[in-house]
Structures are given as structure tokens and as C-alpha cells.
Amino acid sequence: MRMNEIRAERNRLRLEVAALKCRLLEIRQRQQELRKTETKKKMKESTPAPLKERKERRKEKQEEFNNNKNSKISFEIFTKEGPEEPRFKVPTLEEVQAYMNEKGETRFPAGKFWDYYAAKGWALGKSKMMSWQLVLDYWIKEEDAKAAKQSHKSGSKASQNIVTFNAYKPVETKGAVSYEEYKRMMREGKCLSPNPGRV
């Protein structure tokens, strides 16, 4: 009798566990559905305003086009807007000079920068220039790097004067000889060797 009660209790507990697992699965499915709806809402809300405005403008033009039945042009030509104003404005030489004065740059003339990019059509490689101020800032940085490199070189130890011989071309300085001539003179004994026995 005792064993029957234990088995019945076990079966009851198994059924409860199964029911709880089913409930847990339902809750997870509901959470996934809620997440999907939330992401859809966020995507709708995050649509930029200009895009919405363009869609509204297109709808209005579609209605206007539909009202004008006599028109023979296509809707694409009808809705095409005029060319946008270019974002880049070519600077004058005075503007470049004023910007360089503001930055305190005097290592190269403003005309050099202006002429260089005017000849290139104010383009960087194959793409059009977006901001001439940024390009001028880059030129100034390059000049700073050159100046730092030169000051580093001048601050290093003075290079020693080393006598070198060119075996292929005689030195054209007065009184100097080529390496071959020097070796011949050493063999004939006309010149003293700095290191005897190493000629």
C-alpha cells in the first residue's frame, strides 16, 4: 500500500513539472514576440525625418501627376528634383591666406597651396575635396614633421669626415686620386701605407 502511494505521488510531481515546463515555454515565446514588436516599433520611430518628408513629397507629386493626365513625360522625370548645391565651395586666395594667418603658418605661401589644388580641380585623387581647411591643416602638420626631423638631424653628433675612394670614377678634386691610382702608388712605394702589410 505504501509503494502505491509513493508511485502516485511521483506521477503527480512529474505531471506538475511537465505543466511548469509548458508554462515556461509559453512565457519565453511571448517574450520573443514582444521583443520583435518592440524592435519593429523602434525601427519605425528611428526612420529619419528627411526620409519621411521625401516619401510625403513623392506621394504629393504622384497625386499631382495622376491629376495631370495630359502629360506625356514619365513619373521619374516628373518627380526628379533639380541638382543639389555642391557642398564644397572653392576658396579664394584671400580666404586661404586669412586661414593661414589665423593658424600662424608662414613656412609656405598661400599661393602654393591654392595653385596646387586649383591645378588638380580641388580633388584628392579621384574624389572631390570636402574641406580645404582640413587639407591645409594636413599641410601644416607635414611642415611641422619636416621641421622636427631637421632639428633632430642638426642636434645629432657631427658626422666625421671619412676619406672614401671611388674605384670607378676618379675624384675630380685637385690633388685627389682614384682608388686604383692609390693602390698602384702603394705598390710602387710612392705612397706610405697607413696599415703596412694590408695593401
Protein backbone atom coordinates (compact mmCIF):
# COMPACT_ATOMS: atom_id res chain seq x y z
CA MET A 1 0.00 0.00 0.00
CA ARG A 2 2.84 2.33 0.91
CA MET A 3 4.55 1.73 -2.51
CA ASN A 4 1.34 2.60 -4.38
CA GLU A 5 1.13 5.96 -2.58
CA ILE A 6 4.77 6.77 -3.41
CA ARG A 7 4.21 5.92 -7.11
CA ALA A 8 1.10 8.06 -7.23
CA GLU A 9 2.97 10.97 -5.61
CA ARG A 10 5.81 10.60 -8.15
CA ASN A 11 3.37 10.64 -11.08
CA ARG A 12 1.67 13.74 -9.67
CA LEU A 13 5.01 15.53 -9.29
CA ARG A 14 6.04 14.58 -12.87
CA LEU A 15 2.80 15.99 -14.22
CA GLU A 16 3.34 19.24 -12.28
CA VAL A 17 6.93 19.54 -13.62
CA ALA A 18 5.69 18.96 -17.19
CA ALA A 19 2.97 21.60 -16.74
CA LEU A 20 5.55 24.09 -15.37
CA LYS A 21 7.87 23.42 -18.34
CA CYS A 22 4.99 24.07 -20.77
CA ARG A 23 4.20 27.30 -18.95
CA LEU A 24 7.86 28.37 -19.11
CA LEU A 25 7.95 27.73 -22.87
CA GLU A 26 4.81 29.81 -23.36
CA ILE A 27 6.36 32.68 -21.37
CA ARG A 28 9.56 32.54 -23.48
CA GLN A 29 7.59 32.56 -26.73
CA ARG A 30 5.61 35.56 -25.51
CA GLN A 31 8.84 37.38 -24.61
CA GLN A 32 10.23 36.76 -28.11
CA GLU A 33 7.05 38.10 -29.70
CA LEU A 34 7.20 41.21 -27.51
CA ARG A 35 10.86 41.79 -28.44
CA LYS A 36 10.02 41.52 -32.15
CA THR A 37 7.22 44.04 -31.87
CA GLU A 38 9.47 46.40 -29.86
CA THR A 39 12.24 46.25 -32.47
CA LYS A 40 9.73 46.94 -35.24
CA LYS A 41 8.42 49.96 -33.30
CA LYS A 42 11.96 51.25 -32.75
CA MET A 43 12.79 50.84 -36.43
CA LYS A 44 9.66 52.80 -37.40
CA GLU A 45 10.43 55.53 -34.87
CA SER A 46 14.11 55.74 -35.86
CA THR A 47 13.30 56.44 -39.54
CA PRO A 48 14.92 59.82 -40.22
CA ALA A 49 12.62 62.76 -40.72
CA PRO A 50 14.08 63.73 -44.12
CA LEU A 51 13.18 60.27 -45.47
CA LYS A 52 9.59 60.66 -44.24
CA GLU A 53 9.41 64.11 -45.81
CA ARG A 54 10.72 62.73 -49.10
CA LYS A 55 8.11 59.98 -49.05
CA GLU A 56 5.35 62.53 -48.39
CA ARG A 57 6.65 64.77 -51.19
CA ARG A 58 6.73 61.79 -53.55
CA LYS A 59 3.12 60.93 -52.65
CA GLU A 60 2.04 64.51 -53.34
CA LYS A 61 3.84 64.51 -56.69
CA GLN A 62 2.28 61.14 -57.56
CA GLU A 63 -1.17 62.61 -56.90
CA GLU A 64 -0.30 65.71 -58.93
CA PHE A 65 0.97 63.53 -61.77
CA ASN A 66 -2.17 61.39 -61.68
CA ASN A 67 -4.33 64.55 -61.86
CA ASN A 68 -2.38 65.79 -64.88
CA LYS A 69 -3.39 63.07 -67.38
CA ASN A 70 -2.36 65.07 -70.46
CA SER A 71 1.33 64.95 -69.50
CA LYS A 72 3.43 62.67 -71.74
CA ILE A 73 6.51 62.62 -69.54
CA SER A 74 7.22 59.69 -67.21
CA PHE A 75 6.74 59.89 -63.48
CA GLU A 76 10.51 59.55 -62.84
CA ILE A 77 11.25 62.66 -64.94
CA PHE A 78 8.30 64.46 -63.39
CA THR A 79 9.46 63.76 -59.83
CA LYS A 80 13.16 64.37 -60.48
CA GLU A 81 14.33 67.36 -58.47
CA GLY A 82 16.94 69.83 -59.58
CA PRO A 83 20.64 69.29 -58.89
CA GLU A 84 21.71 69.75 -55.29
CA GLU A 85 24.04 72.58 -54.45
CA PRO A 86 27.63 71.40 -54.17
CA ARG A 87 28.78 71.11 -50.58
CA PHE A 88 32.35 72.22 -51.37
CA LYS A 89 32.99 75.87 -52.18
CA VAL A 90 36.28 76.73 -53.87
CA PRO A 91 38.14 79.20 -51.61
CA THR A 92 39.71 82.41 -52.79
CA LEU A 93 43.42 83.06 -52.29
CA GLU A 94 42.49 85.67 -49.66
CA GLU A 95 40.48 83.10 -47.68
CA VAL A 96 43.42 80.67 -47.72
CA GLN A 97 45.80 83.45 -46.62
CA ALA A 98 43.43 84.50 -43.83
CA TYR A 99 43.19 80.92 -42.57
CA MET A 100 46.99 80.56 -42.65
CA ASN A 101 47.36 83.83 -40.73
CA GLU A 102 44.87 82.53 -38.17
CA LYS A 103 46.97 79.35 -37.77
CA GLY A 104 50.23 81.36 -37.72
CA GLU A 105 51.69 79.47 -40.70
CA THR A 106 54.45 81.26 -42.66
CA ARG A 107 56.66 78.37 -43.86
CA PHE A 108 54.97 78.17 -47.27
CA PRO A 109 52.97 80.78 -49.22
CA ALA A 110 49.18 80.55 -49.55
CA GLY A 111 49.56 80.74 -53.33
CA LYS A 112 51.48 77.44 -53.37
CA PHE A 113 48.57 75.62 -51.71
CA TRP A 114 45.94 77.36 -53.84
CA ASP A 115 47.78 76.79 -57.15
CA TYR A 116 48.47 73.12 -56.33
CA TYR A 117 44.82 72.20 -55.75
CA ALA A 118 43.43 74.56 -58.39
CA ALA A 119 45.53 72.63 -60.92
CA LYS A 120 44.05 69.36 -59.60
CA GLY A 121 40.48 70.66 -59.80
CA TRP A 122 40.19 70.77 -55.99
CA ALA A 123 40.21 66.97 -55.84
CA LEU A 124 42.08 64.46 -53.70
CA GLY A 125 42.94 61.64 -56.05
CA LYS A 126 39.69 60.67 -57.78
CA SER A 127 37.33 62.06 -55.13
CA LYS A 128 36.26 65.67 -54.75
CA MET A 129 37.61 67.66 -51.83
CA MET A 130 35.16 68.09 -48.95
CA SER A 131 37.01 70.67 -46.81
CA TRP A 132 40.03 72.69 -47.91
CA GLN A 133 40.65 73.74 -44.28
CA LEU A 134 41.31 70.12 -43.26
CA VAL A 135 43.70 69.67 -46.20
CA LEU A 136 45.54 72.86 -45.26
CA ASP A 137 45.78 71.63 -41.65
CA TYR A 138 47.39 68.45 -43.03
CA TRP A 139 49.94 70.53 -44.96
CA ILE A 140 50.79 72.42 -41.76
CA LYS A 141 51.25 69.12 -39.88
CA GLU A 142 53.58 67.89 -42.63
CA GLU A 143 55.64 71.07 -42.30
CA ASP A 144 55.81 70.53 -38.51
CA ALA A 145 57.03 66.96 -39.07
CA LYS A 146 59.72 68.16 -41.52
CA ALA A 147 60.90 70.82 -39.06
CA ALA A 148 61.07 68.28 -36.24
CA LYS A 149 63.08 65.90 -38.43
CA GLN A 150 65.56 68.62 -39.42
CA SER A 151 66.03 69.77 -35.84
CA HIS A 152 66.65 66.15 -34.82
CA LYS A 153 69.32 65.81 -37.53
CA SER A 154 71.07 69.06 -36.60
CA GLY A 155 71.05 68.07 -32.92
CA SER A 156 72.82 64.77 -33.60
CA LYS A 157 76.63 64.33 -33.45
CA ALA A 158 78.60 66.00 -36.20
CA SER A 159 79.46 63.46 -38.84
CA GLN A 160 83.17 62.59 -39.07
CA ASN A 161 85.00 63.30 -42.31
CA ILE A 162 85.80 59.89 -43.77
CA VAL A 163 88.09 59.64 -46.77
CA THR A 164 86.49 57.36 -49.33
CA PHE A 165 87.76 56.25 -52.70
CA ASN A 166 85.63 55.68 -55.75
CA ALA A 167 87.04 52.70 -57.65
CA TYR A 168 85.06 53.52 -60.80
CA LYS A 169 85.34 57.26 -61.19
CA PRO A 170 88.45 59.32 -60.38
CA VAL A 171 87.87 62.10 -57.88
CA GLU A 172 87.96 65.41 -59.71
CA THR A 173 89.15 67.46 -56.74
CA LYS A 174 92.61 68.98 -57.22
CA GLY A 175 95.32 66.74 -55.80
CA ALA A 176 92.98 63.76 -55.19
CA VAL A 177 93.41 60.37 -56.87
CA SER A 178 91.15 57.41 -57.59
CA TYR A 179 91.32 54.24 -55.51
CA GLU A 180 93.02 52.31 -58.34
CA GLU A 181 95.66 55.06 -58.65
CA TYR A 182 96.20 54.98 -54.88
CA LYS A 183 96.71 51.17 -54.92
CA ARG A 184 99.21 51.44 -57.79
CA MET A 185 101.17 54.14 -55.97
CA MET A 186 101.23 51.94 -52.85
CA ARG A 187 102.66 49.00 -54.85
CA GLU A 188 105.35 51.20 -56.42
CA GLY A 189 106.26 52.60 -52.99
CA LYS A 190 105.39 56.20 -53.89
CA CYS A 191 102.84 56.41 -51.08
CA LEU A 192 103.14 55.35 -47.45
CA SER A 193 100.52 52.81 -46.34
CA PRO A 194 98.56 53.75 -43.20
CA ASN A 195 98.41 50.00 -42.38
CA PRO A 196 101.63 48.29 -43.60
CA GLY A 197 101.10 44.79 -44.94
CA ARG A 198 97.40 45.27 -45.73
CA VAL A 199 97.69 46.56 -49.30
